[in-house]
């Protein structure tokens, strides 16, 4: 078996004056940290403005009803709720059905004769 020859390494030496200047370099890096104290004040102002906006411009019941109607429509369109579910949750389903008929068929009153009943004979 043959011995492998490894090159001799030079002994490690530090650069001249390295350890004498090291504490000053460390202190300089610690002192040069940026100051972010303004972020706390900016966050406080942002919270104050949002709370102030909420109290000075409260949402109206009309906007809340519109948002509720949009949410219900999303549930229906995504097939999470069926029409029967919505009617079942209503206090007055007949009123909802009448409103839908008025929207879908604007001249429904002219088409239906209220006095004539249609019966199917079987």
PDB file of N, CA and C in Angstrom:
ATOM      1  N   UNK A   1       0.811  -1.157   0.000  1.00  0.00           N
ATOM      2  CA  UNK A   1       0.000   0.000   0.000  1.00  0.00           C
ATOM      3  C   UNK A   1       0.873   1.246   0.000  1.00  0.00           C
ATOM      4  N   UNK A   2       0.438   2.149  -0.801  1.00  0.00           N
ATOM      5  CA  UNK A   2       1.264   3.334  -0.969  1.00  0.00           C
ATOM      6  C   UNK A   2       0.751   4.476  -0.087  1.00  0.00           C
ATOM      7  N   UNK A   3       1.621   5.182   0.534  1.00  0.00           N
ATOM      8  CA  UNK A   3       1.230   6.301   1.371  1.00  0.00           C
ATOM      9  C   UNK A   3       0.920   7.493   0.490  1.00  0.00           C
ATOM     10  N   UNK A   4      -0.145   8.156   0.830  1.00  0.00           N
ATOM     11  CA  UNK A   4      -0.476   9.350   0.062  1.00  0.00           C
ATOM     12  C   UNK A   4       0.208  10.543   0.710  1.00  0.00           C
ATOM     13  N   UNK A   5       0.660  11.388  -0.151  1.00  0.00           N
ATOM     14  CA  UNK A   5       1.337  12.576   0.339  1.00  0.00           C
ATOM     15  C   UNK A   5       0.356  13.745   0.367  1.00  0.00           C
ATOM     16  N   UNK A   6       0.138  14.277   1.539  1.00  0.00           N
ATOM     17  CA  UNK A   6      -0.694  15.459   1.674  1.00  0.00           C
ATOM     18  C   UNK A   6       0.202  16.674   1.782  1.00  0.00           C
ATOM     19  N   UNK A   7      -0.235  17.743   1.134  1.00  0.00           N
ATOM     20  CA  UNK A   7       0.617  18.937   1.222  1.00  0.00           C
ATOM     21  C   UNK A   7       0.561  19.511   2.640  1.00  0.00           C
ATOM     22  N   UNK A   8       1.656  20.100   3.035  1.00  0.00           N
ATOM     23  CA  UNK A   8       1.699  20.700   4.345  1.00  0.00           C
ATOM     24  C   UNK A   8       0.945  22.014   4.298  1.00  0.00           C
ATOM     25  N   UNK A   9       0.167  22.235   5.332  1.00  0.00           N
ATOM     26  CA  UNK A   9      -0.587  23.477   5.416  1.00  0.00           C
ATOM     27  C   UNK A   9       0.225  24.511   6.170  1.00  0.00           C
ATOM     28  N   UNK A  10       0.048  25.746   5.686  1.00  0.00           N
ATOM     29  CA  UNK A  10       0.718  26.835   6.387  1.00  0.00           C
ATOM     30  C   UNK A  10      -0.050  27.113   7.669  1.00  0.00           C
ATOM     31  N   UNK A  11       0.617  27.481   8.692  1.00  0.00           N
ATOM     32  CA  UNK A  11      -0.098  27.789   9.927  1.00  0.00           C
ATOM     33  C   UNK A  11      -0.958  29.044   9.728  1.00  0.00           C
ATOM     34  N   UNK A  12      -2.109  29.017  10.372  1.00  0.00           N
ATOM     35  CA  UNK A  12      -3.042  30.126  10.234  1.00  0.00           C
ATOM     36  C   UNK A  12      -2.534  31.326  11.019  1.00  0.00           C
ATOM     37  N   UNK A  13      -2.586  32.458  10.354  1.00  0.00           N
ATOM     38  CA  UNK A  13      -2.209  33.701  11.033  1.00  0.00           C
ATOM     39  C   UNK A  13      -3.299  34.720  10.760  1.00  0.00           C
ATOM     40  N   UNK A  14      -3.597  35.520  11.742  1.00  0.00           N
ATOM     41  CA  UNK A  14      -4.614  36.555  11.571  1.00  0.00           C
ATOM     42  C   UNK A  14      -3.968  37.795  10.971  1.00  0.00           C
ATOM     43  N   UNK A  15      -4.794  38.579  10.264  1.00  0.00           N
ATOM     44  CA  UNK A  15      -4.236  39.813   9.706  1.00  0.00           C
ATOM     45  C   UNK A  15      -3.762  40.734  10.835  1.00  0.00           C
ATOM     46  N   UNK A  16      -2.830  41.566  10.497  1.00  0.00           N
ATOM     47  CA  UNK A  16      -2.262  42.467  11.503  1.00  0.00           C
ATOM     48  C   UNK A  16      -3.304  43.415  12.046  1.00  0.00           C
ATOM     49  N   UNK A  17      -3.429  43.500  13.347  1.00  0.00           N
ATOM     50  CA  UNK A  17      -4.335  44.422  14.008  1.00  0.00           C
ATOM     51  C   UNK A  17      -5.795  43.998  13.968  1.00  0.00           C
ATOM     52  N   UNK A  18      -6.048  42.768  13.561  1.00  0.00           N
ATOM     53  CA  UNK A  18      -7.435  42.307  13.425  1.00  0.00           C
ATOM     54  C   UNK A  18      -8.143  42.309  14.780  1.00  0.00           C
ATOM     55  N   UNK A  19      -7.552  41.705  15.774  1.00  0.00           N
ATOM     56  CA  UNK A  19      -8.208  41.587  17.068  1.00  0.00           C
ATOM     57  C   UNK A  19      -8.264  42.912  17.820  1.00  0.00           C
ATOM     58  N   UNK A  20      -7.357  43.829  17.496  1.00  0.00           N
ATOM     59  CA  UNK A  20      -7.395  45.137  18.141  1.00  0.00           C
ATOM     60  C   UNK A  20      -8.563  45.977  17.602  1.00  0.00           C
ATOM     61  N   UNK A  21      -8.878  45.826  16.312  1.00  0.00           N
ATOM     62  CA  UNK A  21      -9.956  46.636  15.711  1.00  0.00           C
ATOM     63  C   UNK A  21     -11.320  45.922  15.749  1.00  0.00           C
ATOM     64  N   UNK A  22     -11.345  44.667  16.164  1.00  0.00           N
ATOM     65  CA  UNK A  22     -12.596  43.894  16.169  1.00  0.00           C
ATOM     66  C   UNK A  22     -13.681  44.511  17.061  1.00  0.00           C
ATOM     67  N   UNK A  23     -13.413  44.927  18.297  1.00  0.00           N
ATOM     68  CA  UNK A  23     -14.480  45.522  19.120  1.00  0.00           C
ATOM     69  C   UNK A  23     -15.083  46.780  18.484  1.00  0.00           C
ATOM     70  N   UNK A  24     -14.245  47.592  17.862  1.00  0.00           N
ATOM     71  CA  UNK A  24     -14.771  48.795  17.203  1.00  0.00           C
ATOM     72  C   UNK A  24     -15.665  48.441  16.016  1.00  0.00           C
ATOM     73  N   UNK A  25     -15.309  47.409  15.270  1.00  0.00           N
ATOM     74  CA  UNK A  25     -16.132  46.991  14.131  1.00  0.00           C
ATOM     75  C   UNK A  25     -17.489  46.461  14.607  1.00  0.00           C
ATOM     76  N   UNK A  26     -17.485  45.697  15.687  1.00  0.00           N
ATOM     77  CA  UNK A  26     -18.736  45.152  16.222  1.00  0.00           C
ATOM     78  C   UNK A  26     -19.632  46.279  16.715  1.00  0.00           C
ATOM     79  N   UNK A  27     -19.075  47.227  17.474  1.00  0.00           N
ATOM     80  CA  UNK A  27     -19.866  48.349  17.979  1.00  0.00           C
ATOM     81  C   UNK A  27     -20.423  49.194  16.837  1.00  0.00           C
ATOM     82  N   UNK A  28     -19.652  49.365  15.794  1.00  0.00           N
ATOM     83  CA  UNK A  28     -20.120  50.154  14.641  1.00  0.00           C
ATOM     84  C   UNK A  28     -21.315  49.473  13.969  1.00  0.00           C
ATOM     85  N   UNK A  29     -21.284  48.152  13.848  1.00  0.00           N
ATOM     86  CA  UNK A  29     -22.403  47.432  13.240  1.00  0.00           C
ATOM     87  C   UNK A  29     -23.644  47.507  14.126  1.00  0.00           C
ATOM     88  N   UNK A  30     -23.470  47.468  15.444  1.00  0.00           N
ATOM     89  CA  UNK A  30     -24.613  47.562  16.349  1.00  0.00           C
ATOM     90  C   UNK A  30     -25.227  48.953  16.333  1.00  0.00           C
ATOM     91  N   UNK A  31     -24.426  49.969  16.205  1.00  0.00           N
ATOM     92  CA  UNK A  31     -24.912  51.345  16.213  1.00  0.00           C
ATOM     93  C   UNK A  31     -25.617  51.711  14.913  1.00  0.00           C
ATOM     94  N   UNK A  32     -25.319  51.055  13.840  1.00  0.00           N
ATOM     95  CA  UNK A  32     -25.858  51.456  12.542  1.00  0.00           C
ATOM     96  C   UNK A  32     -27.207  50.823  12.214  1.00  0.00           C
ATOM     97  N   UNK A  33     -27.898  50.264  13.219  1.00  0.00           N
ATOM     98  CA  UNK A  33     -29.222  49.704  12.962  1.00  0.00           C
ATOM     99  C   UNK A  33     -30.195  50.836  12.654  1.00  0.00           C
ATOM    100  N   UNK A  34     -31.066  50.630  11.661  1.00  0.00           N
ATOM    101  CA  UNK A  34     -32.035  51.679  11.338  1.00  0.00           C
ATOM    102  C   UNK A  34     -33.088  51.820  12.442  1.00  0.00           C
ATOM    103  N   UNK A  35     -33.600  53.018  12.573  1.00  0.00           N
ATOM    104  CA  UNK A  35     -34.591  53.316  13.605  1.00  0.00           C
ATOM    105  C   UNK A  35     -35.980  53.183  13.003  1.00  0.00           C
ATOM    106  N   UNK A  36     -36.761  52.242  13.530  1.00  0.00           N
ATOM    107  CA  UNK A  36     -38.113  52.000  13.035  1.00  0.00           C
ATOM    108  C   UNK A  36     -39.174  52.436  14.047  1.00  0.00           C
ATOM    109  N   UNK A  37     -38.864  53.384  14.893  1.00  0.00           N
ATOM    110  CA  UNK A  37     -39.841  53.801  15.897  1.00  0.00           C
ATOM    111  C   UNK A  37     -41.028  54.516  15.259  1.00  0.00           C
ATOM    112  N   UNK A  38     -40.854  55.052  14.066  1.00  0.00           N
ATOM    113  CA  UNK A  38     -41.950  55.735  13.384  1.00  0.00           C
ATOM    114  C   UNK A  38     -43.050  54.763  12.978  1.00  0.00           C
ATOM    115  N   UNK A  39     -42.733  53.480  12.862  1.00  0.00           N
ATOM    116  CA  UNK A  39     -43.729  52.490  12.449  1.00  0.00           C
ATOM    117  C   UNK A  39     -44.835  52.375  13.502  1.00  0.00           C
ATOM    118  N   UNK A  40     -44.443  52.462  14.786  1.00  0.00           N
ATOM    119  CA  UNK A  40     -45.449  52.393  15.849  1.00  0.00           C
ATOM    120  C   UNK A  40     -46.426  53.559  15.733  1.00  0.00           C
ATOM    121  N   UNK A  41     -45.898  54.741  15.470  1.00  0.00           N
ATOM    122  CA  UNK A  41     -46.767  55.921  15.355  1.00  0.00           C
ATOM    123  C   UNK A  41     -47.651  55.822  14.114  1.00  0.00           C
ATOM    124  N   UNK A  42     -47.112  55.328  13.025  1.00  0.00           N
ATOM    125  CA  UNK A  42     -47.910  55.181  11.801  1.00  0.00           C
ATOM    126  C   UNK A  42     -49.041  54.174  12.021  1.00  0.00           C
ATOM    127  N   UNK A  43     -48.761  53.079  12.716  1.00  0.00           N
ATOM    128  CA  UNK A  43     -49.801  52.085  13.003  1.00  0.00           C
ATOM    129  C   UNK A  43     -50.872  52.672  13.909  1.00  0.00           C
ATOM    130  N   UNK A  44     -50.466  53.468  14.906  1.00  0.00           N
ATOM    131  CA  UNK A  44     -51.441  54.089  15.807  1.00  0.00           C
ATOM    132  C   UNK A  44     -52.336  55.069  15.052  1.00  0.00           C
ATOM    133  N   UNK A  45     -51.768  55.843  14.150  1.00  0.00           N
ATOM    134  CA  UNK A  45     -52.557  56.788  13.354  1.00  0.00           C
ATOM    135  C   UNK A  45     -53.526  56.047  12.444  1.00  0.00           C
ATOM    136  N   UNK A  46     -53.068  54.965  11.845  1.00  0.00           N
ATOM    137  CA  UNK A  46     -53.920  54.173  10.967  1.00  0.00           C
ATOM    138  C   UNK A  46     -55.115  53.586  11.731  1.00  0.00           C
ATOM    139  N   UNK A  47     -54.870  53.074  12.919  1.00  0.00           N
ATOM    140  CA  UNK A  47     -55.962  52.535  13.737  1.00  0.00           C
ATOM    141  C   UNK A  47     -56.927  53.654  14.117  1.00  0.00           C
ATOM    142  N   UNK A  48     -56.399  54.797  14.511  1.00  0.00           N
ATOM    143  CA  UNK A  48     -57.247  55.929  14.886  1.00  0.00           C
ATOM    144  C   UNK A  48     -58.123  56.371  13.719  1.00  0.00           C
ATOM    145  N   UNK A  49     -57.552  56.458  12.513  1.00  0.00           N
ATOM    146  CA  UNK A  49     -58.329  56.873  11.347  1.00  0.00           C
ATOM    147  C   UNK A  49     -59.406  55.850  10.989  1.00  0.00           C
ATOM    148  N   UNK A  50     -59.091  54.555  11.113  1.00  0.00           N
ATOM    149  CA  UNK A  50     -60.102  53.552  10.772  1.00  0.00           C
ATOM    150  C   UNK A  50     -61.243  53.562  11.778  1.00  0.00           C
ATOM    151  N   UNK A  51     -60.937  53.703  13.053  1.00  0.00           N
ATOM    152  CA  UNK A  51     -61.994  53.742  14.061  1.00  0.00           C
ATOM    153  C   UNK A  51     -62.818  55.013  13.886  1.00  0.00           C
ATOM    154  N   UNK A  52     -62.154  56.134  13.610  1.00  0.00           N
ATOM    155  CA  UNK A  52     -62.865  57.392  13.393  1.00  0.00           C
ATOM    156  C   UNK A  52     -63.786  57.323  12.192  1.00  0.00           C
ATOM    157  N   UNK A  53     -63.323  56.707  11.133  1.00  0.00           N
ATOM    158  CA  UNK A  53     -64.147  56.559   9.936  1.00  0.00           C
ATOM    159  C   UNK A  53     -65.374  55.703  10.237  1.00  0.00           C
ATOM    160  N   UNK A  54     -65.201  54.669  11.038  1.00  0.00           N
ATOM    161  CA  UNK A  54     -66.317  53.785  11.381  1.00  0.00           C
ATOM    162  C   UNK A  54     -67.389  54.539  12.170  1.00  0.00           C
ATOM    163  N   UNK A  55     -66.954  55.388  13.122  1.00  0.00           N
ATOM    164  CA  UNK A  55     -67.920  56.096  13.952  1.00  0.00           C
ATOM    165  C   UNK A  55     -68.548  57.295  13.245  1.00  0.00           C
ATOM    166  N   UNK A  56     -67.791  57.972  12.380  1.00  0.00           N
ATOM    167  CA  UNK A  56     -68.322  59.162  11.727  1.00  0.00           C
ATOM    168  C   UNK A  56     -69.111  58.845  10.464  1.00  0.00           C
ATOM    169  N   UNK A  57     -68.839  57.703   9.860  1.00  0.00           N
ATOM    170  CA  UNK A  57     -69.563  57.288   8.655  1.00  0.00           C
ATOM    171  C   UNK A  57     -70.116  55.882   8.854  1.00  0.00           C
ATOM    172  N   UNK A  58     -71.101  55.738   9.729  1.00  0.00           N
ATOM    173  CA  UNK A  58     -71.636  54.388   9.963  1.00  0.00           C
ATOM    174  C   UNK A  58     -72.369  53.884   8.722  1.00  0.00           C
ATOM    175  N   UNK A  59     -72.417  52.593   8.597  1.00  0.00           N
ATOM    176  CA  UNK A  59     -73.093  52.016   7.441  1.00  0.00           C
ATOM    177  C   UNK A  59     -74.602  52.143   7.624  1.00  0.00           C
ATOM    178  N   UNK A  60     -75.272  52.357   6.541  1.00  0.00           N
ATOM    179  CA  UNK A  60     -76.721  52.523   6.607  1.00  0.00           C
ATOM    180  C   UNK A  60     -77.399  51.161   6.516  1.00  0.00           C
ATOM    181  N   UNK A  61     -78.625  51.061   7.007  1.00  0.00           N
ATOM    182  CA  UNK A  61     -79.345  49.771   6.903  1.00  0.00           C
ATOM    183  C   UNK A  61     -79.561  49.357   5.453  1.00  0.00           C
ATOM    184  N   UNK A  62     -79.688  50.347   4.548  1.00  0.00           N
ATOM    185  CA  UNK A  62     -79.862  50.011   3.130  1.00  0.00           C
ATOM    186  C   UNK A  62     -78.632  49.291   2.597  1.00  0.00           C
ATOM    187  N   UNK A  63     -77.438  49.779   2.978  1.00  0.00           N
ATOM    188  CA  UNK A  63     -76.204  49.126   2.532  1.00  0.00           C
ATOM    189  C   UNK A  63     -76.086  47.724   3.124  1.00  0.00           C
ATOM    190  N   UNK A  64     -76.502  47.574   4.380  1.00  0.00           N
ATOM    191  CA  UNK A  64     -76.433  46.252   5.006  1.00  0.00           C
ATOM    192  C   UNK A  64     -77.384  45.281   4.326  1.00  0.00           C
ATOM    193  N   UNK A  65     -78.581  45.750   3.972  1.00  0.00           N
ATOM    194  CA  UNK A  65     -79.532  44.880   3.277  1.00  0.00           C
ATOM    195  C   UNK A  65     -79.024  44.503   1.897  1.00  0.00           C
ATOM    196  N   UNK A  66     -78.398  45.472   1.220  1.00  0.00           N
ATOM    197  CA  UNK A  66     -77.847  45.179  -0.102  1.00  0.00           C
ATOM    198  C   UNK A  66     -76.732  44.153   0.007  1.00  0.00           C
ATOM    199  N   UNK A  67     -75.862  44.300   1.006  1.00  0.00           N
ATOM    200  CA  UNK A  67     -74.783  43.332   1.206  1.00  0.00           C
ATOM    201  C   UNK A  67     -75.355  41.954   1.548  1.00  0.00           C
ATOM    202  N   UNK A  68     -76.404  41.918   2.355  1.00  0.00           N
ATOM    203  CA  UNK A  68     -77.037  40.655   2.707  1.00  0.00           C
ATOM    204  C   UNK A  68     -77.656  39.992   1.484  1.00  0.00           C
ATOM    205  N   UNK A  69     -78.302  40.800   0.639  1.00  0.00           N
ATOM    206  CA  UNK A  69     -78.901  40.254  -0.582  1.00  0.00           C
ATOM    207  C   UNK A  69     -77.831  39.694  -1.517  1.00  0.00           C
ATOM    208  N   UNK A  70     -76.697  40.405  -1.620  1.00  0.00           N
ATOM    209  CA  UNK A  70     -75.610  39.911  -2.464  1.00  0.00           C
ATOM    210  C   UNK A  70     -75.050  38.602  -1.915  1.00  0.00           C
ATOM    211  N   UNK A  71     -74.947  38.499  -0.590  1.00  0.00           N
ATOM    212  CA  UNK A  71     -74.435  37.271   0.016  1.00  0.00           C
ATOM    213  C   UNK A  71     -75.386  36.102  -0.235  1.00  0.00           C
ATOM    214  N   UNK A  72     -76.685  36.353  -0.105  1.00  0.00           N
ATOM    215  CA  UNK A  72     -77.676  35.305  -0.372  1.00  0.00           C
ATOM    216  C   UNK A  72     -77.591  34.866  -1.822  1.00  0.00           C
ATOM    217  N   UNK A  73     -77.451  35.836  -2.737  1.00  0.00           N
ATOM    218  CA  UNK A  73     -77.327  35.495  -4.159  1.00  0.00           C
ATOM    219  C   UNK A  73     -76.090  34.641  -4.419  1.00  0.00           C
ATOM    220  N   UNK A  74     -74.989  34.932  -3.731  1.00  0.00           N
ATOM    221  CA  UNK A  74     -73.780  34.115  -3.908  1.00  0.00           C
ATOM    222  C   UNK A  74     -74.012  32.684  -3.436  1.00  0.00           C
ATOM    223  N   UNK A  75     -74.712  32.531  -2.302  1.00  0.00           N
ATOM    224  CA  UNK A  75     -75.013  31.176  -1.813  1.00  0.00           C
ATOM    225  C   UNK A  75     -75.889  30.426  -2.812  1.00  0.00           C
ATOM    226  N   UNK A  76     -76.848  31.126  -3.402  1.00  0.00           N
ATOM    227  CA  UNK A  76     -77.743  30.473  -4.353  1.00  0.00           C
ATOM    228  C   UNK A  76     -76.994  30.127  -5.638  1.00  0.00           C
ATOM    229  N   UNK A  77     -76.208  31.079  -6.159  1.00  0.00           N
ATOM    230  CA  UNK A  77     -75.488  30.850  -7.420  1.00  0.00           C
ATOM    231  C   UNK A  77     -74.446  29.748  -7.292  1.00  0.00           C
ATOM    232  N   UNK A  78     -73.868  29.584  -6.105  1.00  0.00           N
ATOM    233  CA  UNK A  78     -72.866  28.532  -5.922  1.00  0.00           C
ATOM    234  C   UNK A  78     -73.501  27.179  -5.594  1.00  0.00           C
ATOM    235  N   UNK A  79     -74.838  27.125  -5.645  1.00  0.00           N
ATOM    236  CA  UNK A  79     -75.604  25.908  -5.363  1.00  0.00           C
ATOM    237  C   UNK A  79     -75.415  25.411  -3.931  1.00  0.00           C
ATOM    238  N   UNK A  80     -75.015  26.305  -3.034  1.00  0.00           N
ATOM    239  CA  UNK A  80     -74.930  25.946  -1.628  1.00  0.00           C
ATOM    240  C   UNK A  80     -76.331  25.931  -1.029  1.00  0.00           C
ATOM    241  N   UNK A  81     -77.155  26.903  -1.458  1.00  0.00           N
ATOM    242  CA  UNK A  81     -78.554  26.946  -1.070  1.00  0.00           C
ATOM    243  C   UNK A  81     -79.417  26.744  -2.302  1.00  0.00           C
ATOM    244  N   UNK A  82     -80.526  26.059  -2.125  1.00  0.00           N
ATOM    245  CA  UNK A  82     -81.503  25.949  -3.200  1.00  0.00           C
ATOM    246  C   UNK A  82     -82.587  26.987  -2.967  1.00  0.00           C
ATOM    247  N   UNK A  83     -83.433  27.171  -3.954  1.00  0.00           N
ATOM    248  CA  UNK A  83     -84.534  28.130  -3.818  1.00  0.00           C
ATOM    249  C   UNK A  83     -85.452  27.716  -2.674  1.00  0.00           C
ATOM    250  N   UNK A  84     -85.626  26.404  -2.493  1.00  0.00           N
ATOM    251  CA  UNK A  84     -86.472  25.928  -1.411  1.00  0.00           C
ATOM    252  C   UNK A  84     -85.881  26.273  -0.046  1.00  0.00           C
ATOM    253  N   UNK A  85     -84.541  26.223   0.055  1.00  0.00           N
ATOM    254  CA  UNK A  85     -83.887  26.594   1.313  1.00  0.00           C
ATOM    255  C   UNK A  85     -84.169  28.054   1.655  1.00  0.00           C
ATOM    256  N   UNK A  86     -84.043  28.914   0.656  1.00  0.00           N
ATOM    257  CA  UNK A  86     -84.251  30.344   0.884  1.00  0.00           C
ATOM    258  C   UNK A  86     -85.700  30.614   1.259  1.00  0.00           C
ATOM    259  N   UNK A  87     -86.618  30.003   0.542  1.00  0.00           N
ATOM    260  CA  UNK A  87     -88.039  30.198   0.869  1.00  0.00           C
ATOM    261  C   UNK A  87     -88.368  29.641   2.248  1.00  0.00           C
ATOM    262  N   UNK A  88     -87.731  28.551   2.621  1.00  0.00           N
ATOM    263  CA  UNK A  88     -87.962  27.963   3.934  1.00  0.00           C
ATOM    264  C   UNK A  88     -87.457  28.840   5.070  1.00  0.00           C
ATOM    265  N   UNK A  89     -86.437  29.628   4.822  1.00  0.00           N
ATOM    266  CA  UNK A  89     -85.900  30.521   5.848  1.00  0.00           C
ATOM    267  C   UNK A  89     -86.689  31.823   5.955  1.00  0.00           C
ATOM    268  N   UNK A  90     -87.535  32.091   5.000  1.00  0.00           N
ATOM    269  CA  UNK A  90     -88.278  33.346   4.958  1.00  0.00           C
ATOM    270  C   UNK A  90     -89.481  33.306   5.874  1.00  0.00           C
ATOM    271  N   UNK A  91     -89.825  34.481   6.426  1.00  0.00           N
ATOM    272  CA  UNK A  91     -91.035  34.575   7.244  1.00  0.00           C
ATOM    273  C   UNK A  91     -92.272  34.614   6.355  1.00  0.00           C
ATOM    274  N   UNK A  92     -92.130  35.167   5.139  1.00  0.00           N
ATOM    275  CA  UNK A  92     -93.264  35.294   4.239  1.00  0.00           C
ATOM    276  C   UNK A  92     -92.821  34.885   2.822  1.00  0.00           C
ATOM    277  N   UNK A  93     -92.810  33.582   2.542  1.00  0.00           N
ATOM    278  CA  UNK A  93     -92.341  33.124   1.231  1.00  0.00           C
ATOM    279  C   UNK A  93     -93.223  33.594   0.079  1.00  0.00           C
ATOM    280  N   UNK A  94     -94.509  33.800   0.332  1.00  0.00           N
ATOM    281  CA  UNK A  94     -95.404  34.258  -0.747  1.00  0.00           C
ATOM    282  C   UNK A  94     -94.979  35.635  -1.252  1.00  0.00           C
ATOM    283  N   UNK A  95     -94.548  36.491  -0.351  1.00  0.00           N
ATOM    284  CA  UNK A  95     -94.097  37.835  -0.747  1.00  0.00           C
ATOM    285  C   UNK A  95     -92.848  37.752  -1.627  1.00  0.00           C
ATOM    286  N   UNK A  96     -91.941  36.866  -1.281  1.00  0.00           N
ATOM    287  CA  UNK A  96     -90.729  36.683  -2.093  1.00  0.00           C
ATOM    288  C   UNK A  96     -91.102  36.181  -3.476  1.00  0.00           C
ATOM    289  N   UNK A  97     -91.993  35.206  -3.527  1.00  0.00           N
ATOM    290  CA  UNK A  97     -92.409  34.681  -4.832  1.00  0.00           C
ATOM    291  C   UNK A  97     -93.104  35.752  -5.662  1.00  0.00           C
ATOM    292  N   UNK A  98     -93.923  36.580  -5.030  1.00  0.00           N
ATOM    293  CA  UNK A  98     -94.582  37.674  -5.758  1.00  0.00           C
ATOM    294  C   UNK A  98     -93.565  38.670  -6.292  1.00  0.00           C
ATOM    295  N   UNK A  99     -92.555  38.990  -5.493  1.00  0.00           N
ATOM    296  CA  UNK A  99     -91.505  39.911  -5.950  1.00  0.00           C
ATOM    297  C   UNK A  99     -90.746  39.332  -7.140  1.00  0.00           C
ATOM    298  N   UNK A 100     -90.467  38.030  -7.078  1.00  0.00           N
ATOM    299  CA  UNK A 100     -89.757  37.386  -8.190  1.00  0.00           C
ATOM    300  C   UNK A 100     -90.612  37.428  -9.448  1.00  0.00           C
ATOM    301  N   UNK A 101     -91.882  37.142  -9.305  1.00  0.00           N
ATOM    302  CA  UNK A 101     -92.777  37.184 -10.463  1.00  0.00           C
ATOM    303  C   UNK A 101     -92.850  38.591 -11.062  1.00  0.00           C
ATOM    304  N   UNK A 102     -92.892  39.608 -10.204  1.00  0.00           N
ATOM    305  CA  UNK A 102     -92.942  40.985 -10.709  1.00  0.00           C
ATOM    306  C   UNK A 102     -91.680  41.340 -11.472  1.00  0.00           C
ATOM    307  N   UNK A 103     -90.530  40.856 -10.990  1.00  0.00           N
ATOM    308  CA  UNK A 103     -89.271  41.133 -11.678  1.00  0.00           C
ATOM    309  C   UNK A 103     -89.168  40.367 -12.988  1.00  0.00           C
ATOM    310  N   UNK A 104     -89.563  39.107 -12.973  1.00  0.00           N
ATOM    311  CA  UNK A 104     -89.410  38.260 -14.144  1.00  0.00           C
ATOM    312  C   UNK A 104     -90.478  38.543 -15.201  1.00  0.00           C
ATOM    313  N   UNK A 105     -91.694  38.736 -14.764  1.00  0.00           N
ATOM    314  CA  UNK A 105     -92.797  38.979 -15.697  1.00  0.00           C
ATOM    315  C   UNK A 105     -93.462  40.294 -15.293  1.00  0.00           C
ATOM    316  N   UNK A 106     -93.019  41.423 -15.872  1.00  0.00           N
ATOM    317  CA  UNK A 106     -93.528  42.717 -15.415  1.00  0.00           C
ATOM    318  C   UNK A 106     -95.019  42.911 -15.692  1.00  0.00           C
ATOM    319  N   UNK A 107     -95.571  42.234 -16.670  1.00  0.00           N
ATOM    320  CA  UNK A 107     -96.985  42.415 -17.010  1.00  0.00           C
ATOM    321  C   UNK A 107     -97.810  41.191 -16.625  1.00  0.00           C
ATOM    322  N   UNK A 108     -97.445  40.555 -15.529  1.00  0.00           N
ATOM    323  CA  UNK A 108     -98.131  39.335 -15.109  1.00  0.00           C
ATOM    324  C   UNK A 108     -99.593  39.609 -14.784  1.00  0.00           C
ATOM    325  N   UNK A 109     -99.891  40.796 -14.246  1.00  0.00           N
ATOM    326  CA  UNK A 109    -101.281  41.113 -13.902  1.00  0.00           C
ATOM    327  C   UNK A 109    -102.166  41.133 -15.133  1.00  0.00           C
ATOM    328  N   UNK A 110    -101.606  41.536 -16.269  1.00  0.00           N
ATOM    329  CA  UNK A 110    -102.392  41.571 -17.493  1.00  0.00           C
ATOM    330  C   UNK A 110    -102.615  40.182 -18.059  1.00  0.00           C
ATOM    331  N   UNK A 111    -101.714  39.254 -17.755  1.00  0.00           N
ATOM    332  CA  UNK A 111    -101.825  37.903 -18.306  1.00  0.00           C
ATOM    333  C   UNK A 111    -102.765  37.017 -17.501  1.00  0.00           C
ATOM    334  N   UNK A 112    -102.856  37.239 -16.198  1.00  0.00           N
ATOM    335  CA  UNK A 112    -103.659  36.370 -15.344  1.00  0.00           C
ATOM    336  C   UNK A 112    -105.026  36.994 -15.095  1.00  0.00           C
ATOM    337  N   UNK A 113    -106.001  36.198 -15.239  1.00  0.00           N
ATOM    338  CA  UNK A 113    -107.360  36.611 -14.914  1.00  0.00           C
ATOM    339  C   UNK A 113    -107.647  36.056 -13.523  1.00  0.00           C
ATOM    340  N   UNK A 114    -107.682  36.949 -12.540  1.00  0.00           N
ATOM    341  CA  UNK A 114    -107.796  36.529 -11.146  1.00  0.00           C
ATOM    342  C   UNK A 114    -109.146  35.868 -10.838  1.00  0.00           C
ATOM    343  N   UNK A 115    -110.161  36.183 -11.593  1.00  0.00           N
ATOM    344  CA  UNK A 115    -111.474  35.653 -11.268  1.00  0.00           C
ATOM    345  C   UNK A 115    -111.706  34.269 -11.843  1.00  0.00           C
ATOM    346  N   UNK A 116    -110.931  33.880 -12.833  1.00  0.00           N
ATOM    347  CA  UNK A 116    -111.125  32.580 -13.458  1.00  0.00           C
ATOM    348  C   UNK A 116    -110.142  31.593 -12.856  1.00  0.00           C
ATOM    349  N   UNK A 117    -110.645  30.502 -12.356  1.00  0.00           N
ATOM    350  CA  UNK A 117    -109.781  29.467 -11.827  1.00  0.00           C
ATOM    351  C   UNK A 117    -109.570  28.405 -12.879  1.00  0.00           C
ATOM    352  N   UNK A 118    -108.370  27.917 -12.950  1.00  0.00           N
ATOM    353  CA  UNK A 118    -108.064  26.852 -13.894  1.00  0.00           C
ATOM    354  C   UNK A 118    -107.998  25.556 -13.108  1.00  0.00           C
ATOM    355  N   UNK A 119    -108.775  24.596 -13.514  1.00  0.00           N
ATOM    356  CA  UNK A 119    -108.748  23.297 -12.860  1.00  0.00           C
ATOM    357  C   UNK A 119    -108.385  22.263 -13.901  1.00  0.00           C
ATOM    358  N   UNK A 120    -107.649  21.302 -13.465  1.00  0.00           N
ATOM    359  CA  UNK A 120    -107.229  20.229 -14.368  1.00  0.00           C
ATOM    360  C   UNK A 120    -108.072  18.992 -14.063  1.00  0.00           C
ATOM    361  N   UNK A 121    -108.742  18.516 -15.074  1.00  0.00           N
ATOM    362  CA  UNK A 121    -109.533  17.303 -14.915  1.00  0.00           C
ATOM    363  C   UNK A 121    -108.671  16.114 -15.280  1.00  0.00           C
ATOM    364  N   UNK A 122    -108.752  15.131 -14.482  1.00  0.00           N
ATOM    365  CA  UNK A 122    -107.935  13.950 -14.778  1.00  0.00           C
ATOM    366  C   UNK A 122    -108.793  12.789 -15.163  1.00  0.00           C
TER     367      UNK A 122
END
